[in-house]
Amino acid sequence: MPLLNEKRPTLGRLAFLAIFSLYISLFLNIAFYRQVLKAMPIVTVHEALVLLSMPVVAFSVIFIVTTIASFFRLSRVVLAVFILVSASVQYFIMNYGIIMDRNMIANILDTTGAESFALLTPELALTLLLTGAGAVAVMFWIRIRPAASRWKGVLWRLVSMLGCCAAIVIVALLFYKDYASLFRNNRELVKTLSPSSSIAAGWSYYSHHRLANLPLVRIGEDAHLLASHQTGKPNLTILIVGETSRADNFSLEGYGRQTNPKLAKDEVIWFPHTASCGTATAVSVPCMFSNMPRSHYDEALASHQEGLLDILQRAGLQVLWNENDGGCKGACDRVPHQDMTALNLPGMCQEGECYDEVLFHGLEEYIQKLRGNGIIVLHTIGSHGPTYYHRYPPQFRIFTPTCETNEIQSCSQQQLINTYDNTLLYVDYIVDKAITMLKAHQDKFTTSLVYLSDHGESLGENGEYLHGLPYAIAPEQQKHVPMLLWLSPEYQQRYGVDAGCLTHLAASNPFSQDNLFSTVLGMTGTQTREYKPGDDILTACRSKT
């Protein structure tokens, strides 16, 4: 044993950390780089440089984390976990095509002993022995040479971390647009990167599982309908939740192109100064249906607290949510809802996505059978990128040439804008179709409609594309959203709402998604302590009688 110890190789601490960080970032992420090459075939020198920069970023991050761990004498433990997890994930990605996310963690934890045993093949054992356990054994066998001076060792580690931070910043400055486009266009790609995908998936599973067990916070338990909304004709409201539609490109906003030819004739009330709660659907949708303003929005609380639709349902309204955008993010969990995309209707759907007209499937029959007051929510896929050209039927391809690829950075900005504007022509058609449907039922219902998009979109301005930037630094294009109201003449007369007053109010005052909660409560005549008259857009324009 002493002889064996004498033959153990010895490395300086930084060299030790660098070697194994390089091993993880390069050799245990082969599956990731293969997926990158599929998504971004190397054609130009620039694309080659983008690919070569990825191991630099991965190495830098891993090196920084393990160096920090070394201050607590945990670098070997952290490296061992990283190696074993990365080797395992890479094997299953390359052999089974899995991605590492929260659902996969749940699958792993729910797997029975027999199912787990069925996965234990000689190939798996050999692969994990060589790339995982073998590498860990070598890592523990190598001795780390103590630094000549403790403080000198600390200084060199700090300098090395700063160097890695500088490398990350340089890559970001040079290739941000390429990274943003690649990972936005291929959202599952990041779930093949090790060990970050496993760490993120594990944390997501923990957070989701913890929140799922929290008791539901009930709000608006005093909700009831005002007497004015309980007598006479029942009321029917359609709320259309837009997706990725930015206000700047609406002709109702003053945009040079006619992107709203139908709505321009519908006597809608347009709100030109409307801000979103977030820059991504997962934030904006639950926020706009919650009773919390953006300044005090608590995502964790919103995940297990009732919202607008719960209150409306409790007050006696018949609620229906039709979905065409991948989920309501918790806003419709306790009310009737249906995934229209899953119908996969011929002529409306392709490759797992549907045109928004699918949201009207069966809606006429639903309204005909509706008894009492109701609200219908249509969650559209709207203008969601990067495949803007998939968002509208061929007859809406009016502005040309278009960008017929998800590699939007390869298109000219004019092509991109043309394609995006075509999506807005289709949005115009969808909202007008809903208004037309309400008009057709005015003999039975007093009708109204709200349209509000969840967030906006960047179309190459300052090299920025898509959406999702942190709110504090996001450009206005991602936060300035379209909002409009349509109130039938009967609604205006019955409830004393002055449309001229609303038009003037909208033109001269800023609003936001914070206003949706109380505005819809007020429009539907729902009385509750949660209702804030100051947030209800209609308050100032209702007659006092």
Protein backbone atom coordinates (compact mmCIF):
# COMPACT_ATOMS: atom_id res chain seq x y z
CA MET A 1 0.00 0.00 0.00
CA PRO A 2 2.77 2.54 0.75
CA LEU A 3 4.30 1.70 -2.64
CA LEU A 4 0.95 2.29 -4.30
CA ASN A 5 0.65 5.65 -2.58
CA GLU A 6 4.11 6.62 -3.75
CA LYS A 7 3.11 5.97 -7.35
CA ARG A 8 0.00 8.17 -7.14
CA PRO A 9 0.26 11.08 -9.57
CA THR A 10 0.28 14.55 -8.06
CA LEU A 11 -1.22 17.70 -9.53
CA GLY A 12 -1.52 21.30 -8.46
CA ARG A 13 -5.00 22.25 -7.37
CA LEU A 14 -5.77 24.43 -10.38
CA ALA A 15 -4.51 21.82 -12.83
CA PHE A 16 -6.58 19.17 -11.04
CA LEU A 17 -9.75 21.26 -11.24
CA ALA A 18 -9.08 22.25 -14.84
CA ILE A 19 -8.53 18.69 -16.08
CA PHE A 20 -11.75 17.30 -14.65
CA SER A 21 -13.77 20.39 -15.54
CA LEU A 22 -12.53 19.95 -19.10
CA TYR A 23 -13.43 16.26 -19.02
CA ILE A 24 -17.02 17.05 -18.04
CA SER A 25 -17.49 20.00 -20.35
CA LEU A 26 -16.00 18.25 -23.39
CA PHE A 27 -16.29 14.46 -23.16
CA LEU A 28 -19.43 14.13 -21.04
CA ASN A 29 -21.35 16.57 -23.24
CA ILE A 30 -20.86 14.84 -26.56
CA ALA A 31 -24.62 14.25 -26.71
CA PHE A 32 -25.21 17.97 -26.29
CA TYR A 33 -22.76 18.92 -29.06
CA ARG A 34 -24.34 16.36 -31.36
CA GLN A 35 -27.72 17.96 -30.78
CA VAL A 36 -26.22 21.39 -31.43
CA LEU A 37 -24.85 20.18 -34.76
CA LYS A 38 -28.27 18.89 -35.74
CA ALA A 39 -29.90 22.19 -34.87
CA MET A 40 -27.09 24.32 -36.30
CA PRO A 41 -25.19 22.57 -39.13
CA ILE A 42 -21.74 24.09 -39.53
CA VAL A 43 -21.63 25.92 -42.86
CA THR A 44 -19.69 29.10 -42.12
CA VAL A 45 -16.62 29.97 -40.08
CA HIS A 46 -18.84 32.02 -37.77
CA GLU A 47 -21.00 29.00 -36.97
CA ALA A 48 -17.87 26.97 -36.27
CA LEU A 49 -16.70 29.62 -33.82
CA VAL A 50 -20.11 29.56 -32.12
CA LEU A 51 -19.78 25.80 -31.64
CA LEU A 52 -16.20 26.07 -30.36
CA SER A 53 -17.23 28.72 -27.86
CA MET A 54 -19.68 26.36 -26.14
CA PRO A 55 -17.08 24.13 -24.45
CA VAL A 56 -15.36 27.33 -23.31
CA VAL A 57 -18.51 28.51 -21.55
CA ALA A 58 -19.27 25.05 -20.13
CA PHE A 59 -15.69 24.65 -18.86
CA SER A 60 -15.68 28.11 -17.31
CA VAL A 61 -18.92 27.55 -15.42
CA ILE A 62 -17.91 24.13 -14.11
CA PHE A 63 -14.44 25.39 -13.18
CA ILE A 64 -15.90 28.33 -11.24
CA VAL A 65 -18.33 26.08 -9.34
CA THR A 66 -15.71 23.47 -8.45
CA THR A 67 -13.18 26.14 -7.48
CA ILE A 68 -15.69 27.68 -5.10
CA ALA A 69 -16.30 24.19 -3.71
CA SER A 70 -12.54 23.81 -3.16
CA PHE A 71 -12.61 26.58 -0.56
CA PHE A 72 -14.83 24.26 1.49
CA ARG A 73 -12.79 21.14 0.63
CA LEU A 74 -15.70 19.78 -1.40
CA SER A 75 -14.23 19.93 -4.89
CA ARG A 76 -13.77 16.15 -5.17
CA VAL A 77 -17.31 15.50 -4.00
CA VAL A 78 -18.80 18.05 -6.39
CA LEU A 79 -16.73 16.76 -9.30
CA ALA A 80 -17.71 13.17 -8.50
CA VAL A 81 -21.41 14.05 -8.53
CA PHE A 82 -21.01 16.03 -11.76
CA ILE A 83 -19.17 13.17 -13.47
CA LEU A 84 -21.53 10.40 -12.41
CA VAL A 85 -24.66 12.38 -13.26
CA SER A 86 -23.28 13.61 -16.58
CA ALA A 87 -22.09 10.18 -17.65
CA SER A 88 -25.46 8.62 -16.83
CA VAL A 89 -27.50 11.31 -18.54
CA GLN A 90 -25.29 11.24 -21.64
CA TYR A 91 -25.76 7.48 -21.96
CA PHE A 92 -29.56 7.70 -21.81
CA ILE A 93 -29.70 10.68 -24.16
CA MET A 94 -27.57 8.95 -26.76
CA ASN A 95 -29.29 5.59 -26.46
CA TYR A 96 -32.89 6.47 -25.62
CA GLY A 97 -33.27 10.02 -26.86
CA ILE A 98 -34.49 11.31 -23.50
CA ILE A 99 -34.27 14.87 -22.27
CA MET A 100 -33.60 15.76 -18.67
CA ASP A 101 -36.43 17.81 -17.22
CA ARG A 102 -38.79 17.78 -14.24
CA ASN A 103 -40.99 15.09 -15.78
CA MET A 104 -37.99 12.85 -16.33
CA ILE A 105 -37.00 13.23 -12.69
CA ALA A 106 -40.55 12.23 -11.74
CA ASN A 107 -40.30 9.21 -14.05
CA ILE A 108 -37.03 8.16 -12.45
CA LEU A 109 -38.46 8.41 -8.96
CA ASP A 110 -41.65 6.60 -9.94
CA THR A 111 -39.87 3.77 -11.73
CA THR A 112 -40.37 0.36 -10.14
CA GLY A 113 -37.53 -1.98 -9.28
CA ALA A 114 -38.38 -4.27 -12.19
CA GLU A 115 -38.38 -1.39 -14.65
CA SER A 116 -35.06 -0.14 -13.35
CA PHE A 117 -33.54 -3.60 -13.59
CA ALA A 118 -34.66 -3.87 -17.22
CA LEU A 119 -32.50 -0.87 -18.04
CA LEU A 120 -29.37 -2.39 -16.54
CA THR A 121 -27.65 -3.69 -19.66
CA PRO A 122 -24.00 -4.73 -20.06
CA GLU A 123 -23.52 -1.71 -22.32
CA LEU A 124 -24.82 0.60 -19.61
CA ALA A 125 -22.61 -0.99 -16.98
CA LEU A 126 -19.52 -0.80 -19.19
CA THR A 127 -20.21 2.80 -20.23
CA LEU A 128 -20.78 4.01 -16.70
CA LEU A 129 -17.79 2.05 -15.44
CA LEU A 130 -15.44 3.67 -17.95
CA THR A 131 -16.81 7.20 -18.26
CA GLY A 132 -18.29 7.60 -14.80
CA ALA A 133 -17.01 5.38 -12.00
CA GLY A 134 -13.61 4.94 -13.65
CA ALA A 135 -13.11 8.68 -13.99
CA VAL A 136 -14.17 9.23 -10.38
CA ALA A 137 -11.75 6.55 -9.21
CA VAL A 138 -8.91 8.23 -11.09
CA MET A 139 -9.91 11.58 -9.64
CA PHE A 140 -9.73 10.28 -6.06
CA TRP A 141 -6.45 8.49 -6.79
CA ILE A 142 -4.71 11.68 -7.88
CA ARG A 143 -3.16 13.66 -5.07
CA ILE A 144 -3.44 17.44 -4.94
CA ARG A 145 -0.15 19.21 -4.26
CA PRO A 146 -0.48 21.73 -1.42
CA ALA A 147 0.21 25.34 -2.37
CA ALA A 148 3.48 26.85 -1.22
CA SER A 149 1.51 29.56 0.52
CA ARG A 150 -2.10 29.35 1.60
CA TRP A 151 -2.86 32.93 0.60
CA LYS A 152 -1.02 32.53 -2.67
CA GLY A 153 -3.19 29.49 -3.45
CA VAL A 154 -6.34 31.47 -2.64
CA LEU A 155 -5.19 34.35 -4.83
CA TRP A 156 -4.49 32.10 -7.83
CA ARG A 157 -7.92 30.48 -7.52
CA LEU A 158 -9.60 33.88 -7.43
CA VAL A 159 -7.62 35.06 -10.46
CA SER A 160 -8.55 31.87 -12.32
CA MET A 161 -12.25 32.39 -11.59
CA LEU A 162 -12.04 35.97 -12.82
CA GLY A 163 -10.42 34.70 -16.00
CA CYS A 164 -13.30 32.28 -16.53
CA CYS A 165 -15.82 35.05 -15.91
CA ALA A 166 -14.03 37.16 -18.51
CA ALA A 167 -14.19 34.29 -21.00
CA ILE A 168 -17.97 33.99 -20.49
CA VAL A 169 -18.45 37.73 -20.97
CA ILE A 170 -16.38 37.72 -24.17
CA VAL A 171 -18.39 34.84 -25.62
CA ALA A 172 -21.62 36.63 -24.69
CA LEU A 173 -20.52 39.81 -26.40
CA LEU A 174 -19.47 37.98 -29.55
CA PHE A 175 -22.21 35.39 -29.91
CA TYR A 176 -25.24 36.45 -27.85
CA LYS A 177 -27.54 36.69 -30.87
CA ASP A 178 -26.51 33.22 -32.06
CA TYR A 179 -26.99 31.66 -28.62
CA ALA A 180 -30.36 33.38 -28.13
CA SER A 181 -31.66 32.22 -31.48
CA LEU A 182 -30.32 28.67 -31.15
CA PHE A 183 -31.73 28.02 -27.69
CA ARG A 184 -35.02 29.81 -28.32
CA ASN A 185 -35.56 27.90 -31.54
CA ASN A 186 -34.59 24.62 -29.85
CA ARG A 187 -35.91 24.89 -26.32
CA GLU A 188 -35.20 21.26 -25.50
CA LEU A 189 -31.53 21.63 -26.41
CA VAL A 190 -30.52 23.04 -23.04
CA LYS A 191 -31.99 19.92 -21.41
CA THR A 192 -29.16 17.85 -22.91
CA LEU A 193 -26.40 19.96 -21.35
CA SER A 194 -24.72 18.34 -18.35
CA PRO A 195 -24.70 18.63 -15.45
CA SER A 196 -26.80 21.80 -15.51
CA SER A 197 -29.88 20.10 -17.00
CA SER A 198 -29.98 17.54 -14.19
CA ILE A 199 -29.47 20.16 -11.51
CA ALA A 200 -32.19 22.39 -12.97
CA ALA A 201 -34.56 19.44 -13.41
CA GLY A 202 -33.99 18.29 -9.86
CA TRP A 203 -34.60 21.74 -8.44
CA SER A 204 -37.69 22.19 -10.61
CA TYR A 205 -39.08 18.87 -9.42
CA TYR A 206 -38.42 19.78 -5.81
CA SER A 207 -39.99 23.22 -6.14
CA HIS A 208 -43.01 21.94 -8.04
CA HIS A 209 -43.51 19.01 -5.67
CA ARG A 210 -43.20 21.27 -2.63
CA LEU A 211 -45.66 23.84 -4.01
CA ALA A 212 -48.08 21.14 -5.13
CA ASN A 213 -48.46 20.05 -1.52
CA LEU A 214 -49.23 23.52 -0.22
CA PRO A 215 -52.87 24.14 0.64
CA LEU A 216 -54.89 26.13 -1.88
CA VAL A 217 -55.32 29.76 -0.84
CA ARG A 218 -58.91 30.76 -1.49
CA ILE A 219 -59.77 34.34 -2.36
CA GLY A 220 -63.03 36.11 -3.12
CA GLU A 221 -65.15 33.72 -1.09
CA ASP A 222 -67.75 36.48 -0.79
CA ALA A 223 -68.17 36.69 -4.58
CA HIS A 224 -71.67 37.18 -5.93
CA LEU A 225 -73.35 38.85 -8.89
CA LEU A 226 -74.82 42.32 -8.62
CA ALA A 227 -78.59 42.48 -8.91
CA SER A 228 -78.23 44.35 -12.22
CA HIS A 229 -76.53 41.28 -13.69
CA GLN A 230 -79.00 38.75 -12.30
CA THR A 231 -82.11 40.07 -13.99
CA GLY A 232 -82.93 40.45 -17.66
CA LYS A 233 -80.74 38.95 -20.35
CA PRO A 234 -77.73 36.95 -19.17
CA ASN A 235 -74.30 38.36 -19.96
CA LEU A 236 -71.67 36.71 -22.14
CA THR A 237 -68.05 37.88 -22.23
CA ILE A 238 -65.23 36.51 -24.37
CA LEU A 239 -61.71 37.12 -23.08
CA ILE A 240 -59.00 36.49 -25.67
CA VAL A 241 -55.51 36.02 -24.29
CA GLY A 242 -53.04 36.95 -27.01
CA GLU A 243 -49.61 35.41 -27.40
CA THR A 244 -46.44 37.32 -28.35
CA SER A 245 -48.38 40.10 -30.07
CA ARG A 246 -46.63 43.42 -29.68
CA ALA A 247 -48.62 46.64 -29.80
CA ASP A 248 -46.16 48.50 -32.04
CA ASN A 249 -47.24 46.52 -35.12
CA PHE A 250 -50.99 46.98 -34.70
CA SER A 251 -52.45 49.52 -37.13
CA LEU A 252 -54.86 50.43 -34.32
CA GLU A 253 -51.73 51.72 -32.59
CA GLY A 254 -50.83 53.87 -35.60
CA TYR A 255 -48.52 51.39 -37.34
CA GLY A 256 -47.98 52.29 -41.00
CA ARG A 257 -49.30 49.00 -42.34
CA GLN A 258 -52.93 47.93 -42.19
CA THR A 259 -52.66 44.93 -39.88
CA ASN A 260 -56.13 45.38 -38.33
CA PRO A 261 -58.50 45.90 -41.27
CA LYS A 262 -61.42 44.09 -39.61
CA LEU A 263 -61.05 45.47 -36.09
CA ALA A 264 -60.85 48.98 -37.51
CA LYS A 265 -64.52 48.55 -38.49
CA ASP A 266 -65.64 46.95 -35.22
CA GLU A 267 -65.75 50.11 -33.08
CA VAL A 268 -63.36 48.64 -30.54
CA ILE A 269 -61.79 50.74 -27.79
CA TRP A 270 -58.00 50.60 -28.15
CA PHE A 271 -55.59 51.12 -25.25
CA PRO A 272 -52.30 52.38 -26.72
CA HIS A 273 -50.33 52.56 -23.46
CA THR A 274 -50.56 49.04 -22.02
CA ALA A 275 -47.72 47.24 -20.24
CA SER A 276 -47.31 43.52 -19.56
CA CYS A 277 -46.59 41.89 -16.23
CA GLY A 278 -43.70 39.85 -17.65
CA THR A 279 -41.89 39.04 -20.86
CA ALA A 280 -42.80 35.34 -20.95
CA THR A 281 -46.11 33.45 -20.90
CA ALA A 282 -45.23 31.54 -17.73
CA VAL A 283 -45.07 34.83 -15.84
CA SER A 284 -47.60 37.04 -17.59
CA VAL A 285 -50.57 34.68 -17.79
CA PRO A 286 -50.74 33.68 -14.10
CA CYS A 287 -49.94 37.28 -13.16
CA MET A 288 -52.72 38.83 -15.23
CA PHE A 289 -55.30 36.41 -13.77
CA SER A 290 -54.11 36.95 -10.19
CA ASN A 291 -55.15 39.63 -7.73
CA MET A 292 -51.53 40.71 -7.34
CA PRO A 293 -50.04 43.69 -9.20
CA ARG A 294 -46.75 43.21 -11.03
CA SER A 295 -44.86 45.20 -8.40
CA HIS A 296 -45.89 42.67 -5.72
CA TYR A 297 -46.40 39.58 -7.82
CA ASP A 298 -45.39 36.38 -6.02
CA GLU A 299 -45.03 33.49 -8.48
CA ALA A 300 -44.86 30.89 -5.72
CA LEU A 301 -48.07 32.15 -4.11
CA ALA A 302 -49.84 32.42 -7.46
CA SER A 303 -49.14 28.74 -8.12
CA HIS A 304 -51.39 27.66 -5.25
CA GLN A 305 -53.81 30.56 -4.94
CA GLU A 306 -57.16 31.05 -6.62
CA GLY A 307 -57.45 33.65 -9.33
CA LEU A 308 -59.92 35.59 -11.45
CA LEU A 309 -61.68 32.59 -12.98
CA ASP A 310 -62.19 30.91 -9.60
CA ILE A 311 -63.96 34.03 -8.35
CA LEU A 312 -66.13 34.34 -11.45
CA GLN A 313 -67.14 30.70 -11.18
CA ARG A 314 -67.93 31.11 -7.49
CA ALA A 315 -70.15 34.09 -8.30
CA GLY A 316 -72.21 31.90 -10.61
CA LEU A 317 -70.77 32.47 -14.07
CA GLN A 318 -70.33 29.52 -16.40
CA VAL A 319 -66.58 29.50 -17.21
CA LEU A 320 -64.88 27.82 -20.16
CA TRP A 321 -61.19 27.98 -21.14
CA ASN A 322 -60.23 26.86 -24.66
CA GLU A 323 -56.49 26.25 -24.98
CA ASN A 324 -54.22 26.48 -28.03
CA ASP A 325 -50.91 27.55 -26.51
CA GLY A 326 -49.55 24.71 -24.42
CA GLY A 327 -51.34 25.33 -21.15
CA CYS A 328 -52.95 27.99 -18.98
CA LYS A 329 -50.06 28.09 -16.46
CA GLY A 330 -52.44 27.38 -13.57
CA ALA A 331 -55.00 30.08 -14.40
CA CYS A 332 -57.69 27.57 -15.45
CA ASP A 333 -56.86 24.58 -13.24
CA ARG A 334 -60.13 24.63 -11.29
CA VAL A 335 -62.55 25.64 -14.03
CA PRO A 336 -63.76 23.73 -17.12
CA HIS A 337 -61.02 23.79 -19.75
CA GLN A 338 -60.16 21.89 -22.89
CA ASP A 339 -57.00 21.50 -24.96
CA MET A 340 -58.12 22.29 -28.48
CA THR A 341 -54.67 21.48 -29.90
CA ALA A 342 -55.12 17.85 -28.88
CA LEU A 343 -58.08 17.55 -31.26
CA ASN A 344 -55.61 17.66 -34.17
CA LEU A 345 -58.36 18.75 -36.53
CA PRO A 346 -57.55 18.28 -40.25
CA GLY A 347 -56.94 21.54 -42.04
CA MET A 348 -56.34 23.40 -38.79
CA CYS A 349 -53.45 21.52 -37.21
CA GLN A 350 -50.00 20.42 -38.33
CA GLU A 351 -47.02 18.98 -36.51
CA GLY A 352 -48.70 19.29 -33.12
CA GLU A 353 -49.68 22.95 -33.58
CA CYS A 354 -53.00 24.47 -34.66
CA TYR A 355 -54.21 27.70 -36.17
CA ASP A 356 -56.16 29.72 -33.62
CA GLU A 357 -59.42 29.14 -35.46
CA VAL A 358 -59.45 25.74 -33.74
CA LEU A 359 -60.51 27.61 -30.60
CA PHE A 360 -63.97 28.12 -32.13
CA HIS A 361 -64.54 24.41 -32.73
CA GLY A 362 -67.79 23.49 -30.94
CA LEU A 363 -68.13 26.98 -29.48
CA GLU A 364 -71.35 27.82 -31.33
CA GLU A 365 -73.06 24.76 -29.88
CA TYR A 366 -71.68 25.59 -26.41
CA ILE A 367 -73.16 29.11 -26.53
CA GLN A 368 -76.51 27.82 -27.77
CA LYS A 369 -76.73 25.52 -24.74
CA LEU A 370 -75.44 28.13 -22.28
CA ARG A 371 -77.90 29.13 -19.58
CA GLY A 372 -77.13 32.12 -17.41
CA ASN A 373 -74.08 34.41 -17.37
CA GLY A 374 -70.89 33.10 -18.92
CA ILE A 375 -67.29 33.94 -19.75
CA ILE A 376 -65.24 32.16 -22.40
CA VAL A 377 -61.46 32.45 -22.45
CA LEU A 378 -59.63 31.76 -25.71
CA HIS A 379 -55.90 31.26 -25.17
CA THR A 380 -54.33 31.77 -28.58
CA ILE A 381 -50.93 30.83 -29.97
CA GLY A 382 -51.10 34.19 -31.69
CA SER A 383 -47.74 35.40 -32.99
CA HIS A 384 -45.49 32.95 -31.17
CA GLY A 385 -42.07 32.61 -32.77
CA PRO A 386 -39.71 31.70 -34.10
CA THR A 387 -41.91 29.83 -36.60
CA TYR A 388 -44.10 32.83 -37.31
CA TYR A 389 -44.94 31.41 -40.73
CA HIS A 390 -46.78 28.52 -39.04
CA ARG A 391 -49.19 30.87 -37.24
CA TYR A 392 -51.50 31.71 -40.12
CA PRO A 393 -53.19 29.92 -43.06
CA PRO A 394 -51.80 30.55 -46.57
CA GLN A 395 -54.46 33.14 -47.43
CA PHE A 396 -53.04 35.45 -44.76
CA ARG A 397 -49.60 35.53 -46.40
CA ILE A 398 -50.15 39.09 -47.59
CA PHE A 399 -46.87 40.80 -46.75
CA THR A 400 -43.98 39.27 -48.69
CA PRO A 401 -41.27 38.09 -48.92
CA THR A 402 -41.56 36.10 -45.72
CA CYS A 403 -39.16 34.29 -43.40
CA GLU A 404 -39.97 30.61 -43.93
CA THR A 405 -37.55 29.19 -41.32
CA ASN A 406 -37.08 29.04 -37.59
CA GLU A 407 -33.52 30.33 -38.08
CA ILE A 408 -34.91 33.85 -37.98
CA GLN A 409 -31.50 35.51 -37.67
CA SER A 410 -30.73 34.26 -41.18
CA CYS A 411 -33.63 36.27 -42.64
CA SER A 412 -33.54 39.95 -43.39
CA GLN A 413 -35.36 42.09 -40.86
CA GLN A 414 -37.91 43.03 -43.51
CA GLN A 415 -38.68 39.37 -44.19
CA LEU A 416 -39.08 38.82 -40.47
CA ILE A 417 -41.38 41.83 -40.06
CA ASN A 418 -43.45 40.76 -43.08
CA THR A 419 -44.00 37.33 -41.57
CA TYR A 420 -44.79 38.74 -38.14
CA ASP A 421 -47.25 41.24 -39.59
CA ASN A 422 -49.04 38.38 -41.34
CA THR A 423 -49.59 36.80 -37.92
CA LEU A 424 -51.27 40.02 -36.81
CA LEU A 425 -53.58 39.93 -39.81
CA TYR A 426 -54.68 36.54 -38.53
CA VAL A 427 -55.00 37.85 -34.97
CA ASP A 428 -57.23 40.57 -36.40
CA TYR A 429 -59.34 37.88 -38.09
CA ILE A 430 -59.62 35.80 -34.90
CA VAL A 431 -60.68 38.69 -32.66
CA ASP A 432 -63.16 39.91 -35.27
CA LYS A 433 -64.55 36.39 -35.57
CA ALA A 434 -65.19 36.36 -31.81
CA ILE A 435 -66.92 39.74 -32.01
CA THR A 436 -69.05 38.52 -34.92
CA MET A 437 -70.01 35.45 -32.90
CA LEU A 438 -71.09 37.63 -29.98
CA LYS A 439 -73.12 39.85 -32.30
CA ALA A 440 -74.92 36.78 -33.60
CA HIS A 441 -76.12 35.98 -30.06
CA GLN A 442 -77.24 39.45 -28.98
CA ASP A 443 -80.85 38.31 -28.98
CA LYS A 444 -80.04 36.03 -26.06
CA PHE A 445 -77.06 37.69 -24.32
CA THR A 446 -75.69 41.11 -23.44
CA THR A 447 -72.22 40.78 -24.90
CA SER A 448 -68.69 42.14 -24.44
CA LEU A 449 -65.11 41.20 -25.29
CA VAL A 450 -61.60 41.83 -24.02
CA TYR A 451 -58.38 41.16 -25.95
CA LEU A 452 -55.03 41.36 -24.16
CA SER A 453 -51.70 39.84 -25.19
CA ASP A 454 -49.41 38.24 -22.63
CA HIS A 455 -46.18 39.94 -23.79
CA GLY A 456 -44.57 41.45 -26.84
CA GLU A 457 -41.70 40.45 -29.10
CA SER A 458 -38.33 41.67 -30.40
CA LEU A 459 -37.84 41.44 -34.15
CA GLY A 460 -34.13 42.08 -34.49
CA GLU A 461 -34.01 45.56 -32.99
CA ASN A 462 -30.52 46.06 -31.52
CA GLY A 463 -29.78 42.44 -32.36
CA GLU A 464 -32.53 41.18 -30.02
CA TYR A 465 -35.04 38.52 -31.04
CA LEU A 466 -38.07 36.81 -29.53
CA HIS A 467 -38.83 37.57 -25.88
CA GLY A 468 -38.11 36.53 -22.29
CA LEU A 469 -35.42 39.02 -21.30
CA PRO A 470 -35.46 40.05 -17.62
CA TYR A 471 -38.12 42.71 -17.21
CA ALA A 472 -35.69 45.33 -15.93
CA ILE A 473 -33.60 45.21 -19.10
CA ALA A 474 -36.18 44.03 -21.65
CA PRO A 475 -36.85 46.43 -24.53
CA GLU A 476 -40.25 48.10 -24.76
CA GLN A 477 -41.20 45.87 -27.70
CA GLN A 478 -41.35 42.94 -25.27
CA LYS A 479 -43.40 44.82 -22.66
CA HIS A 480 -45.73 47.04 -24.72
CA VAL A 481 -48.78 44.89 -25.43
CA PRO A 482 -52.07 45.35 -27.31
CA MET A 483 -55.31 45.63 -25.35
CA LEU A 484 -58.80 46.42 -26.61
CA LEU A 485 -62.42 46.26 -25.46
CA TRP A 486 -65.55 45.70 -27.46
CA LEU A 487 -68.84 46.49 -25.73
CA SER A 488 -72.08 45.87 -27.56
CA PRO A 489 -74.42 48.87 -27.82
CA GLU A 490 -76.81 47.05 -25.48
CA TYR A 491 -74.03 46.55 -22.92
CA GLN A 492 -73.16 50.26 -23.03
CA GLN A 493 -76.77 51.30 -22.59
CA ARG A 494 -77.72 48.70 -20.00
CA TYR A 495 -74.77 49.40 -17.71
CA GLY A 496 -74.31 53.10 -18.45
CA VAL A 497 -70.85 52.88 -20.00
CA ASP A 498 -69.78 55.85 -22.12
CA ALA A 499 -67.66 54.55 -25.03
CA GLY A 500 -66.49 58.07 -25.89
CA CYS A 501 -65.25 58.53 -22.34
CA LEU A 502 -63.40 55.20 -22.55
CA THR A 503 -61.75 56.16 -25.83
CA HIS A 504 -60.50 59.44 -24.34
CA LEU A 505 -59.41 57.68 -21.14
CA ALA A 506 -57.49 55.03 -23.10
CA ALA A 507 -55.69 57.58 -25.25
CA SER A 508 -54.42 59.65 -22.34
CA ASN A 509 -53.72 57.15 -19.55
CA PRO A 510 -51.32 54.23 -19.06
CA PHE A 511 -52.75 50.82 -18.22
CA SER A 512 -51.30 47.37 -17.66
CA GLN A 513 -52.21 43.74 -17.14
CA ASP A 514 -52.79 44.70 -13.50
CA ASN A 515 -56.10 46.21 -14.65
CA LEU A 516 -57.50 42.98 -16.11
CA PHE A 517 -58.53 41.39 -12.80
CA SER A 518 -60.83 44.15 -11.53
CA THR A 519 -61.94 45.21 -15.02
CA VAL A 520 -63.35 41.76 -15.79
CA LEU A 521 -64.92 41.54 -12.33
CA GLY A 522 -66.60 44.88 -12.99
CA MET A 523 -67.66 44.01 -16.54
CA THR A 524 -69.31 40.79 -15.39
CA GLY A 525 -70.95 42.42 -12.35
CA THR A 526 -69.03 40.28 -9.87
CA GLN A 527 -68.98 41.83 -6.40
CA THR A 528 -66.22 40.84 -3.96
CA ARG A 529 -63.77 42.40 -1.55
CA GLU A 530 -61.04 41.53 -4.06
CA TYR A 531 -62.50 44.01 -6.55
CA LYS A 532 -60.61 47.34 -6.71
CA PRO A 533 -62.66 50.07 -8.40
CA GLY A 534 -59.51 52.08 -9.09
CA ASP A 535 -58.12 49.23 -11.21
CA ASP A 536 -61.36 48.75 -13.15
CA ILE A 537 -60.90 50.62 -16.43
CA LEU A 538 -64.65 51.13 -16.80
CA THR A 539 -65.15 52.80 -13.40
CA ALA A 540 -64.52 56.37 -14.54
CA CYS A 541 -66.86 55.99 -17.53
CA ARG A 542 -69.88 54.40 -15.86
CA SER A 543 -72.87 56.58 -15.12
CA LYS A 544 -73.53 56.93 -11.42
CA THR A 545 -77.01 55.54 -11.86
